[in-house]
Amino acid sequence: MEGVDIPRTFGALMIGGIVAAVFGGVVTAQTFAYFKNYPADSKFIKLLVGVVWFIDFCHTIFVSTSLWDHLIVHFGSAQRIDYIPWSLAMTIAFTAMLTFLVHLFFVFRIFKLSKRNFFFAVPLTLLTCARLCFACLTTAKLIKLRSLTRFVDLYTWSFTIGLSLSSLFDVLVTGLLCYLFFINQKENSSLNGVLDKLMLYSFENGSVTCAATLSSLVCWITSHKNNLIFMGLHFVISKFYANSLLATLNTRKTLQPTGHRSQHSGSGDRNLPIMFGDSFSLSRKTSEAPSTLTPAMRIQVEKTRVTVSDGTSRASDARRDSLAKTEPLCTEVV
């Protein structure tokens, strides 16, 4: 590497590793919160959350291992900066795998919200598959070449295309989600407040992940020959994606309308339009369902009458009257 700036190189890796570790802790906290608050979710969603957490944990281990190699074992060695240890290369692959799963989750979400529109789902799926392929190619070549300079000379396009596709996907998904929530807002006026928040959350999640990916891409294109700032930023990308997925799942209870809230934890959360479009029709049918009457309730009343005569004799006459009274109690079908 020509004109290497050691402080910016090692400093960028260290700061990126610290930030990644912090957000990795947030991922773990959100994972525990999810399993605690949503025990009634499907096994598929639970498996997805577990796999995302495991991949993120492995990513953190690889980041720590690569930092140990750069900052401890070969600290201050300018020649070593050009060397790419296998652990550093693996962070790219694990970032791609985690990003791939999160992307598929949002593709499925769009597929359901758009009422099974393959015109949206198929191109997005192909896009995220292509991003995964380029990331795996980048990892394989870095492990094989073990030199950043040689990789830049031969395969710069691989890493560039991978980050570009990821940024493009974030822009498309964010725009589509906001559009679909806006369309459903017209059909479900009672959920306007919830849908407004969903549009805001979708925009925020997409903006954060897209900004992180674009920042890494810009630093890669402009300064990859002098420092590893792009790599420090790349450490954090997977954490943002994992947190965006978990935040989407964990905000369901806070966004749930009061009128549709279930008494059983987790059982009524699927009625929200957080994940699936079918819930819109379910919520509408629920709000329009007529009230039903509970069976009549019988109330029995007992009366006792006591008579006192001249203070010398007392006769008691007890009479028990049974009165039947019906009282309709209205309950709302939830």
Protein backbone atom coordinates (compact mmCIF):
# COMPACT_ATOMS: atom_id res chain seq x y z
CA MET A 1 0.00 0.00 0.00
CA GLU A 2 1.36 3.38 -1.05
CA GLY A 3 1.54 6.29 1.40
CA VAL A 4 0.08 4.28 4.26
CA ASP A 5 -1.31 6.33 7.14
CA ILE A 6 -0.81 3.99 10.10
CA PRO A 7 -2.84 6.00 12.68
CA ARG A 8 -5.81 6.28 10.34
CA THR A 9 -5.51 2.65 9.34
CA PHE A 10 -5.16 1.07 12.78
CA GLY A 11 -7.33 3.75 14.38
CA ALA A 12 -10.14 3.17 11.89
CA LEU A 13 -10.06 -0.57 12.51
CA MET A 14 -10.04 -0.10 16.28
CA ILE A 15 -12.92 2.40 16.31
CA GLY A 16 -14.91 0.29 13.87
CA GLY A 17 -14.34 -2.79 16.02
CA ILE A 18 -15.43 -1.01 19.21
CA VAL A 19 -18.60 0.37 17.60
CA ALA A 20 -19.35 -3.05 16.12
CA ALA A 21 -18.97 -4.67 19.55
CA VAL A 22 -21.34 -2.13 21.12
CA PHE A 23 -24.02 -2.69 18.49
CA GLY A 24 -23.43 -6.42 18.76
CA GLY A 25 -24.45 -6.10 22.40
CA VAL A 26 -27.58 -4.26 21.30
CA VAL A 27 -28.36 -7.14 18.93
CA THR A 28 -28.07 -9.60 21.81
CA ALA A 29 -30.31 -7.48 24.04
CA GLN A 30 -32.94 -7.18 21.32
CA THR A 31 -32.80 -10.92 20.70
CA PHE A 32 -33.52 -11.68 24.37
CA ALA A 33 -36.34 -9.11 24.35
CA TYR A 34 -37.87 -10.73 21.28
CA PHE A 35 -37.96 -14.26 22.70
CA LYS A 36 -39.35 -12.94 25.98
CA ASN A 37 -42.12 -10.78 24.52
CA TYR A 38 -43.21 -12.83 21.51
CA PRO A 39 -43.38 -16.50 22.50
CA ALA A 40 -46.36 -17.09 20.19
CA ASP A 41 -44.51 -16.20 16.98
CA SER A 42 -44.06 -18.86 14.34
CA LYS A 43 -41.09 -21.21 14.47
CA PHE A 44 -39.84 -19.80 11.17
CA ILE A 45 -39.51 -16.27 12.59
CA LYS A 46 -37.90 -17.58 15.78
CA LEU A 47 -35.42 -19.59 13.72
CA LEU A 48 -34.62 -16.53 11.62
CA VAL A 49 -33.93 -14.44 14.72
CA GLY A 50 -31.74 -17.18 16.20
CA VAL A 51 -29.71 -17.58 13.00
CA VAL A 52 -29.26 -13.81 12.64
CA TRP A 53 -28.01 -13.58 16.22
CA PHE A 54 -25.58 -16.49 15.70
CA ILE A 55 -24.16 -15.02 12.48
CA ASP A 56 -23.78 -11.65 14.17
CA PHE A 57 -21.98 -13.29 17.10
CA CYS A 58 -19.58 -15.07 14.74
CA HIS A 59 -19.00 -11.80 12.90
CA THR A 60 -18.02 -10.14 16.19
CA ILE A 61 -15.54 -12.95 16.88
CA PHE A 62 -13.93 -12.56 13.45
CA VAL A 63 -13.69 -8.79 13.91
CA SER A 64 -12.00 -9.26 17.28
CA THR A 65 -9.58 -11.83 15.85
CA SER A 66 -8.58 -9.56 12.97
CA LEU A 67 -8.08 -6.63 15.36
CA TRP A 68 -5.85 -8.80 17.54
CA ASP A 69 -3.74 -9.63 14.51
CA HIS A 70 -3.39 -6.00 13.40
CA LEU A 71 -3.20 -4.18 16.74
CA ILE A 72 -1.38 -6.65 18.97
CA VAL A 73 0.57 -9.27 17.06
CA HIS A 74 1.78 -6.96 14.27
CA PHE A 75 1.26 -3.55 15.81
CA GLY A 76 2.78 -0.65 13.85
CA SER A 77 3.98 -2.77 10.94
CA ALA A 78 3.27 -0.88 7.72
CA GLN A 79 4.06 -3.97 5.64
CA ARG A 80 1.46 -5.96 7.54
CA ILE A 81 -1.32 -3.55 6.60
CA ASP A 82 -1.30 -4.90 3.06
CA TYR A 83 -1.68 -8.44 4.39
CA ILE A 84 -5.28 -9.64 4.74
CA PRO A 85 -5.72 -12.32 7.43
CA TRP A 86 -8.42 -14.90 6.86
CA SER A 87 -10.41 -13.57 9.83
CA LEU A 88 -10.68 -10.13 8.24
CA ALA A 89 -11.83 -11.64 4.95
CA MET A 90 -14.44 -13.73 6.75
CA THR A 91 -16.07 -10.61 8.21
CA ILE A 92 -17.10 -9.70 4.65
CA ALA A 93 -18.71 -13.10 4.07
CA PHE A 94 -20.59 -13.08 7.38
CA THR A 95 -21.77 -9.52 6.77
CA ALA A 96 -23.09 -10.68 3.40
CA MET A 97 -24.87 -13.70 4.89
CA LEU A 98 -26.56 -11.66 7.59
CA THR A 99 -27.50 -8.96 5.08
CA PHE A 100 -28.91 -11.65 2.79
CA LEU A 101 -31.24 -13.00 5.49
CA VAL A 102 -32.45 -9.55 6.48
CA HIS A 103 -33.00 -8.64 2.84
CA LEU A 104 -35.08 -11.79 2.30
CA PHE A 105 -37.17 -10.92 5.35
CA PHE A 106 -38.00 -7.51 3.91
CA VAL A 107 -38.64 -9.01 0.47
CA PHE A 108 -41.17 -11.40 2.02
CA ARG A 109 -42.70 -8.51 3.90
CA ILE A 110 -43.12 -6.55 0.67
CA PHE A 111 -44.49 -9.67 -1.03
CA LYS A 112 -47.25 -10.00 1.58
CA LEU A 113 -48.03 -6.29 1.81
CA SER A 114 -48.32 -6.06 -1.97
CA LYS A 115 -50.81 -8.97 -1.97
CA ARG A 116 -48.33 -11.47 -3.42
CA ASN A 117 -47.00 -9.26 -6.19
CA PHE A 118 -44.15 -11.19 -7.84
CA PHE A 119 -43.24 -8.12 -9.88
CA PHE A 120 -41.80 -6.63 -6.69
CA ALA A 121 -40.50 -9.77 -5.01
CA VAL A 122 -38.59 -11.51 -7.83
CA PRO A 123 -36.29 -8.61 -8.87
CA LEU A 124 -35.49 -7.83 -5.23
CA THR A 125 -34.67 -11.48 -4.54
CA LEU A 126 -32.35 -11.64 -7.56
CA LEU A 127 -30.70 -8.41 -6.45
CA THR A 128 -29.92 -9.66 -2.96
CA CYS A 129 -28.69 -13.01 -4.32
CA ALA A 130 -26.31 -11.16 -6.63
CA ARG A 131 -25.05 -9.09 -3.69
CA LEU A 132 -24.33 -12.29 -1.74
CA CYS A 133 -22.45 -13.82 -4.69
CA PHE A 134 -20.18 -10.81 -5.12
CA ALA A 135 -19.45 -10.71 -1.39
CA CYS A 136 -18.54 -14.42 -1.35
CA LEU A 137 -16.30 -13.87 -4.39
CA THR A 138 -14.58 -11.00 -2.59
CA THR A 139 -13.99 -13.14 0.49
CA ALA A 140 -12.62 -16.07 -1.52
CA LYS A 141 -10.19 -13.88 -3.47
CA LEU A 142 -8.98 -12.07 -0.36
CA ILE A 143 -8.25 -15.37 1.38
CA LYS A 144 -6.47 -16.67 -1.71
CA LEU A 145 -4.40 -13.55 -2.51
CA ARG A 146 -3.75 -12.47 1.11
CA SER A 147 -2.82 -9.03 -0.26
CA LEU A 148 -5.05 -5.97 -0.46
CA THR A 149 -2.88 -4.44 -3.20
CA ARG A 150 -3.20 -7.47 -5.45
CA PHE A 151 -6.92 -7.68 -4.76
CA VAL A 152 -7.36 -4.01 -5.70
CA ASP A 153 -5.48 -4.56 -8.95
CA LEU A 154 -7.54 -7.61 -9.94
CA TYR A 155 -10.94 -7.53 -8.21
CA THR A 156 -11.79 -3.97 -7.23
CA TRP A 157 -15.04 -4.32 -9.16
CA SER A 158 -16.21 -7.24 -6.99
CA PHE A 159 -16.27 -5.34 -3.70
CA THR A 160 -17.57 -2.18 -5.40
CA ILE A 161 -20.50 -3.95 -7.07
CA GLY A 162 -21.39 -5.79 -3.86
CA LEU A 163 -21.68 -2.60 -1.81
CA SER A 164 -23.47 -0.80 -4.63
CA LEU A 165 -26.10 -3.54 -4.90
CA SER A 166 -26.66 -3.46 -1.15
CA SER A 167 -27.19 0.31 -1.21
CA LEU A 168 -29.55 0.03 -4.17
CA PHE A 169 -31.55 -2.67 -2.40
CA ASP A 170 -31.96 -0.50 0.70
CA VAL A 171 -33.25 2.41 -1.37
CA LEU A 172 -35.74 0.22 -3.26
CA VAL A 173 -37.03 -1.58 -0.16
CA THR A 174 -37.45 1.64 1.81
CA GLY A 175 -39.33 3.28 -1.03
CA LEU A 176 -41.58 0.26 -1.64
CA LEU A 177 -42.45 -0.17 2.04
CA CYS A 178 -43.38 3.49 2.40
CA TYR A 179 -45.45 3.28 -0.79
CA LEU A 180 -47.29 0.13 0.31
CA PHE A 181 -48.03 1.53 3.77
CA PHE A 182 -49.34 4.70 2.14
CA ILE A 183 -51.64 2.71 -0.16
CA ASN A 184 -52.96 0.63 2.75
CA GLN A 185 -53.47 3.80 4.75
CA LYS A 186 -56.23 4.83 2.34
CA GLU A 187 -57.97 1.47 2.77
CA ASN A 188 -57.67 1.36 6.57
CA SER A 189 -58.40 4.79 7.99
CA SER A 190 -58.62 3.39 11.53
CA LEU A 191 -54.93 2.44 11.35
CA ASN A 192 -53.62 5.77 10.07
CA GLY A 193 -51.57 6.44 13.20
CA VAL A 194 -49.95 3.01 13.11
CA LEU A 195 -49.19 3.21 9.40
CA ASP A 196 -47.63 6.66 9.80
CA LYS A 197 -45.27 5.25 12.40
CA LEU A 198 -44.51 2.25 10.21
CA MET A 199 -43.57 4.50 7.31
CA LEU A 200 -41.32 6.51 9.60
CA TYR A 201 -39.63 3.41 11.05
CA SER A 202 -39.14 1.92 7.58
CA PHE A 203 -37.54 5.13 6.37
CA GLU A 204 -35.27 5.34 9.41
CA ASN A 205 -34.14 1.71 9.17
CA GLY A 206 -33.46 1.97 5.45
CA SER A 207 -31.65 5.28 5.84
CA VAL A 208 -29.29 3.98 8.53
CA THR A 209 -28.28 0.82 6.67
CA CYS A 210 -27.99 2.65 3.35
CA ALA A 211 -25.87 5.43 4.90
CA ALA A 212 -23.47 2.91 6.45
CA THR A 213 -23.10 1.00 3.19
CA LEU A 214 -22.63 4.14 1.10
CA SER A 215 -20.03 5.50 3.54
CA SER A 216 -18.01 2.31 3.29
CA LEU A 217 -18.35 2.36 -0.51
CA VAL A 218 -17.17 5.98 -0.80
CA CYS A 219 -14.17 5.38 1.47
CA TRP A 220 -13.32 2.23 -0.50
CA ILE A 221 -13.36 4.05 -3.83
CA THR A 222 -11.50 7.16 -2.68
CA SER A 223 -8.92 5.99 -0.14
CA HIS A 224 -8.46 2.21 -0.16
CA LYS A 225 -4.80 2.63 -1.19
CA ASN A 226 -3.88 4.69 1.86
CA ASN A 227 -5.95 3.38 4.78
CA LEU A 228 -8.55 0.88 5.93
CA ILE A 229 -11.29 3.31 6.94
CA PHE A 230 -13.67 1.53 4.59
CA MET A 231 -13.09 -1.69 6.53
CA GLY A 232 -13.79 -0.05 9.88
CA LEU A 233 -17.12 1.17 8.50
CA HIS A 234 -17.81 -2.24 6.99
CA PHE A 235 -17.53 -3.81 10.46
CA VAL A 236 -20.67 -1.93 11.53
CA ILE A 237 -22.89 -2.67 8.52
CA SER A 238 -24.01 -6.12 9.68
CA LYS A 239 -24.92 -4.74 13.12
CA PHE A 240 -27.22 -2.16 11.59
CA TYR A 241 -28.97 -4.78 9.48
CA ALA A 242 -29.46 -7.14 12.42
CA ASN A 243 -30.84 -4.34 14.58
CA SER A 244 -33.20 -3.19 11.82
CA LEU A 245 -34.71 -6.68 11.64
CA LEU A 246 -35.06 -7.04 15.41
CA ALA A 247 -36.42 -3.52 15.81
CA THR A 248 -39.10 -4.33 13.23
CA LEU A 249 -40.16 -7.38 15.23
CA ASN A 250 -39.90 -5.84 18.69
CA THR A 251 -41.93 -2.70 17.96
CA ARG A 252 -45.14 -4.60 17.29
CA LYS A 253 -46.53 -4.24 20.81
CA THR A 254 -45.79 -0.53 21.04
CA LEU A 255 -47.47 0.11 17.69
CA GLN A 256 -50.53 -2.08 18.27
CA PRO A 257 -53.81 -0.13 18.39
CA THR A 258 -55.61 -0.28 21.74
CA GLY A 259 -58.81 -1.58 20.18
CA HIS A 260 -57.00 -4.55 18.71
CA ARG A 261 -54.86 -5.45 21.69
CA SER A 262 -55.02 -9.03 22.87
CA GLN A 263 -55.13 -10.09 26.49
CA HIS A 264 -52.68 -12.88 25.81
CA SER A 265 -49.08 -11.91 25.28
CA GLY A 266 -47.99 -12.35 21.72
CA SER A 267 -51.22 -13.89 20.50
CA GLY A 268 -52.66 -10.75 19.00
CA ASP A 269 -49.50 -9.23 17.63
CA ARG A 270 -49.87 -10.95 14.31
CA ASN A 271 -52.89 -8.76 13.58
CA LEU A 272 -50.58 -5.82 13.04
CA PRO A 273 -49.49 -4.84 9.54
CA ILE A 274 -45.86 -4.94 10.68
CA MET A 275 -44.96 -8.01 8.69
CA PHE A 276 -47.81 -9.40 6.66
CA GLY A 277 -50.35 -7.71 4.43
CA ASP A 278 -53.10 -10.21 5.23
CA SER A 279 -53.49 -8.59 8.62
CA PHE A 280 -55.12 -5.52 7.07
CA SER A 281 -58.20 -7.46 6.02
CA LEU A 282 -58.24 -9.28 9.33
CA SER A 283 -58.19 -6.04 11.28
CA ARG A 284 -60.94 -4.57 9.14
CA LYS A 285 -63.18 -7.61 9.59
CA THR A 286 -62.56 -7.53 13.29
CA SER A 287 -63.62 -3.92 13.62
CA GLU A 288 -66.81 -4.54 11.64
CA ALA A 289 -67.86 -7.73 13.47
CA PRO A 290 -71.19 -7.41 15.30
CA SER A 291 -71.37 -7.69 19.04
CA THR A 292 -72.62 -10.92 20.55
CA LEU A 293 -74.61 -11.45 23.73
CA THR A 294 -73.53 -13.69 26.53
CA PRO A 295 -76.05 -16.20 27.90
CA ALA A 296 -78.57 -14.73 30.37
CA MET A 297 -77.41 -14.50 33.96
CA ARG A 298 -79.94 -15.61 36.67
CA ILE A 299 -80.04 -13.74 39.97
CA GLN A 300 -81.83 -15.31 42.99
CA VAL A 301 -83.06 -12.99 45.77
CA GLU A 302 -84.05 -14.26 49.28
CA LYS A 303 -86.24 -12.22 51.66
CA THR A 304 -87.01 -12.90 55.38
CA ARG A 305 -89.89 -11.09 57.16
CA VAL A 306 -90.02 -10.91 61.02
CA THR A 307 -93.25 -9.80 62.91
CA VAL A 308 -93.31 -8.78 66.64
CA SER A 309 -96.79 -8.75 68.47
CA ASP A 310 -97.39 -6.72 71.78
CA GLY A 311 -93.96 -7.65 73.06
CA THR A 312 -95.22 -11.04 74.35
CA SER A 313 -95.22 -13.25 71.35
CA ARG A 314 -93.24 -13.19 68.15
CA ALA A 315 -94.09 -14.97 64.99
CA SER A 316 -91.80 -15.23 62.15
CA ASP A 317 -92.85 -15.68 58.65
CA ALA A 318 -90.09 -16.40 56.25
CA ARG A 319 -90.75 -16.33 52.66
CA ARG A 320 -88.27 -17.01 49.94
CA ASP A 321 -88.91 -15.48 46.59
CA SER A 322 -86.96 -16.49 43.60
CA LEU A 323 -86.71 -13.87 40.97
CA ALA A 324 -85.20 -14.49 37.63
CA LYS A 325 -83.64 -11.52 36.00
CA THR A 326 -81.79 -11.44 32.74
CA GLU A 327 -79.13 -8.91 32.07
CA PRO A 328 -77.52 -8.82 28.64
CA LEU A 329 -73.80 -8.33 28.73
CA CYS A 330 -72.16 -7.23 25.54
CA THR A 331 -68.72 -8.37 24.65
CA GLU A 332 -66.79 -7.41 21.62
CA VAL A 333 -65.37 -10.06 19.35
CA VAL A 334 -61.64 -9.66 19.30
